[in-house]
């Protein structure tokens, strides 16, 4: 697993300040280790004063699912753009 981003570190501190255990906060931030995912969780947590751990886990899974969907969409868009280029220019443009 890659190291935590600065926003993940901020999320970790926020969770500790809200009374979540160090182990639970570490587990959440290890999974939400990018600025994008950590920022989404920070936004979610800022709307509530306290949430059960189960709801935090549900939101983490939702954020990870969204991230994976976005990544698949970007990959499909890139493949589609390449396919369109081949259709317009033909395969010979690829060899040049």
C-alpha atoms as a PDB file:
ATOM      1  CA  UNK A   1       0.000   0.000   0.000  1.00  0.00           C
ATOM      2  CA  UNK A   2       1.295   3.443  -0.825  1.00  0.00           C
ATOM      3  CA  UNK A   3       2.015   5.998   1.924  1.00  0.00           C
ATOM      4  CA  UNK A   4      -0.698   8.305   3.197  1.00  0.00           C
ATOM      5  CA  UNK A   5      -1.193  11.629   1.448  1.00  0.00           C
ATOM      6  CA  UNK A   6      -1.223  14.921   3.385  1.00  0.00           C
ATOM      7  CA  UNK A   7      -5.037  14.908   3.311  1.00  0.00           C
ATOM      8  CA  UNK A   8      -5.053  11.339   4.645  1.00  0.00           C
ATOM      9  CA  UNK A   9      -2.894  12.492   7.541  1.00  0.00           C
ATOM     10  CA  UNK A  10      -5.357  15.332   8.138  1.00  0.00           C
ATOM     11  CA  UNK A  11      -8.250  12.850   8.069  1.00  0.00           C
ATOM     12  CA  UNK A  12      -6.395  10.658  10.578  1.00  0.00           C
ATOM     13  CA  UNK A  13      -6.040  13.585  12.987  1.00  0.00           C
ATOM     14  CA  UNK A  14      -9.671  14.583  12.460  1.00  0.00           C
ATOM     15  CA  UNK A  15     -10.848  11.075  13.302  1.00  0.00           C
ATOM     16  CA  UNK A  16      -8.722  10.965  16.445  1.00  0.00           C
ATOM     17  CA  UNK A  17     -10.130  14.359  17.500  1.00  0.00           C
ATOM     18  CA  UNK A  18     -13.635  12.965  17.059  1.00  0.00           C
ATOM     19  CA  UNK A  19     -12.924  10.062  19.398  1.00  0.00           C
ATOM     20  CA  UNK A  20     -12.289   7.190  17.008  1.00  0.00           C
ATOM     21  CA  UNK A  21      -9.589   4.756  18.074  1.00  0.00           C
ATOM     22  CA  UNK A  22      -6.101   5.029  16.632  1.00  0.00           C
ATOM     23  CA  UNK A  23      -6.379   1.548  15.095  1.00  0.00           C
ATOM     24  CA  UNK A  24      -9.720   2.312  13.409  1.00  0.00           C
ATOM     25  CA  UNK A  25      -8.526   5.705  12.148  1.00  0.00           C
ATOM     26  CA  UNK A  26      -5.344   4.119  10.793  1.00  0.00           C
ATOM     27  CA  UNK A  27      -7.319   1.418   8.985  1.00  0.00           C
ATOM     28  CA  UNK A  28      -9.632   3.986   7.362  1.00  0.00           C
ATOM     29  CA  UNK A  29      -6.801   6.282   6.280  1.00  0.00           C
ATOM     30  CA  UNK A  30      -4.711   3.401   4.921  1.00  0.00           C
ATOM     31  CA  UNK A  31      -7.587   2.658   2.559  1.00  0.00           C
ATOM     32  CA  UNK A  32      -8.312   6.318   1.812  1.00  0.00           C
ATOM     33  CA  UNK A  33      -4.670   7.162   1.145  1.00  0.00           C
ATOM     34  CA  UNK A  34      -5.081   9.713  -1.659  1.00  0.00           C
ATOM     35  CA  UNK A  35      -6.018  13.370  -1.426  1.00  0.00           C
ATOM     36  CA  UNK A  36      -9.175  12.695  -3.465  1.00  0.00           C
ATOM     37  CA  UNK A  37     -10.534   9.903  -1.263  1.00  0.00           C
ATOM     38  CA  UNK A  38      -9.473  11.510   2.026  1.00  0.00           C
ATOM     39  CA  UNK A  39     -11.073  14.822   1.036  1.00  0.00           C
ATOM     40  CA  UNK A  40     -14.327  13.020   0.277  1.00  0.00           C
ATOM     41  CA  UNK A  41     -14.321  11.419   3.740  1.00  0.00           C
ATOM     42  CA  UNK A  42     -13.426  14.714   5.435  1.00  0.00           C
ATOM     43  CA  UNK A  43     -16.385  16.298   3.672  1.00  0.00           C
ATOM     44  CA  UNK A  44     -18.658  13.485   4.805  1.00  0.00           C
ATOM     45  CA  UNK A  45     -17.501  13.601   8.417  1.00  0.00           C
ATOM     46  CA  UNK A  46     -17.829  17.387   8.586  1.00  0.00           C
ATOM     47  CA  UNK A  47     -21.590  17.076   8.233  1.00  0.00           C
ATOM     48  CA  UNK A  48     -21.915  15.014  11.421  1.00  0.00           C
ATOM     49  CA  UNK A  49     -20.790  15.462  14.998  1.00  0.00           C
ATOM     50  CA  UNK A  50     -20.464  11.724  15.615  1.00  0.00           C
ATOM     51  CA  UNK A  51     -21.116   8.607  13.595  1.00  0.00           C
ATOM     52  CA  UNK A  52     -20.922   4.923  14.474  1.00  0.00           C
ATOM     53  CA  UNK A  53     -17.867   3.155  13.081  1.00  0.00           C
ATOM     54  CA  UNK A  54     -20.088   1.055  10.819  1.00  0.00           C
ATOM     55  CA  UNK A  55     -21.348   4.136   8.992  1.00  0.00           C
ATOM     56  CA  UNK A  56     -17.806   5.420   8.530  1.00  0.00           C
ATOM     57  CA  UNK A  57     -16.843   2.046   7.035  1.00  0.00           C
ATOM     58  CA  UNK A  58     -19.886   2.125   4.723  1.00  0.00           C
ATOM     59  CA  UNK A  59     -18.894   5.580   3.492  1.00  0.00           C
ATOM     60  CA  UNK A  60     -15.285   4.460   2.982  1.00  0.00           C
ATOM     61  CA  UNK A  61     -16.481   1.549   0.833  1.00  0.00           C
ATOM     62  CA  UNK A  62     -18.732   3.888  -1.139  1.00  0.00           C
ATOM     63  CA  UNK A  63     -15.857   6.305  -1.765  1.00  0.00           C
ATOM     64  CA  UNK A  64     -13.599   3.456  -2.914  1.00  0.00           C
ATOM     65  CA  UNK A  65     -16.332   2.160  -5.210  1.00  0.00           C
ATOM     66  CA  UNK A  66     -16.775   5.625  -6.734  1.00  0.00           C
ATOM     67  CA  UNK A  67     -13.022   5.954  -7.233  1.00  0.00           C
ATOM     68  CA  UNK A  68     -12.855   2.609  -9.013  1.00  0.00           C
ATOM     69  CA  UNK A  69     -15.809   3.551 -11.232  1.00  0.00           C
ATOM     70  CA  UNK A  70     -14.142   6.857 -12.170  1.00  0.00           C
ATOM     71  CA  UNK A  71     -10.875   5.086 -12.974  1.00  0.00           C
ATOM     72  CA  UNK A  72     -12.652   2.543 -15.206  1.00  0.00           C
ATOM     73  CA  UNK A  73     -14.515   5.376 -16.958  1.00  0.00           C
ATOM     74  CA  UNK A  74     -11.259   7.235 -17.677  1.00  0.00           C
ATOM     75  CA  UNK A  75      -9.645   4.069 -19.031  1.00  0.00           C
ATOM     76  CA  UNK A  76     -12.641   3.479 -21.320  1.00  0.00           C
ATOM     77  CA  UNK A  77     -12.537   7.088 -22.522  1.00  0.00           C
ATOM     78  CA  UNK A  78      -8.832   6.798 -23.344  1.00  0.00           C
ATOM     79  CA  UNK A  79      -9.397   3.539 -25.216  1.00  0.00           C
ATOM     80  CA  UNK A  80     -12.322   5.069 -27.090  1.00  0.00           C
ATOM     81  CA  UNK A  81     -10.248   8.125 -28.055  1.00  0.00           C
ATOM     82  CA  UNK A  82      -7.476   5.873 -29.355  1.00  0.00           C
ATOM     83  CA  UNK A  83      -9.990   3.766 -31.289  1.00  0.00           C
ATOM     84  CA  UNK A  84     -11.491   6.902 -32.853  1.00  0.00           C
ATOM     85  CA  UNK A  85      -8.016   8.066 -33.865  1.00  0.00           C
ATOM     86  CA  UNK A  86      -7.349   4.716 -35.541  1.00  0.00           C
ATOM     87  CA  UNK A  87     -10.711   4.860 -37.322  1.00  0.00           C
ATOM     88  CA  UNK A  88      -9.991   8.359 -38.669  1.00  0.00           C
ATOM     89  CA  UNK A  89      -6.316   7.948 -39.486  1.00  0.00           C
ATOM     90  CA  UNK A  90      -6.086   4.202 -40.064  1.00  0.00           C
ATOM     91  CA  UNK A  91      -3.553   1.762 -38.737  1.00  0.00           C
ATOM     92  CA  UNK A  92      -0.724   3.236 -40.834  1.00  0.00           C
ATOM     93  CA  UNK A  93      -0.642   6.337 -38.584  1.00  0.00           C
ATOM     94  CA  UNK A  94       0.208   4.044 -35.708  1.00  0.00           C
ATOM     95  CA  UNK A  95       3.402   2.836 -37.415  1.00  0.00           C
ATOM     96  CA  UNK A  96       4.768   6.334 -38.140  1.00  0.00           C
END
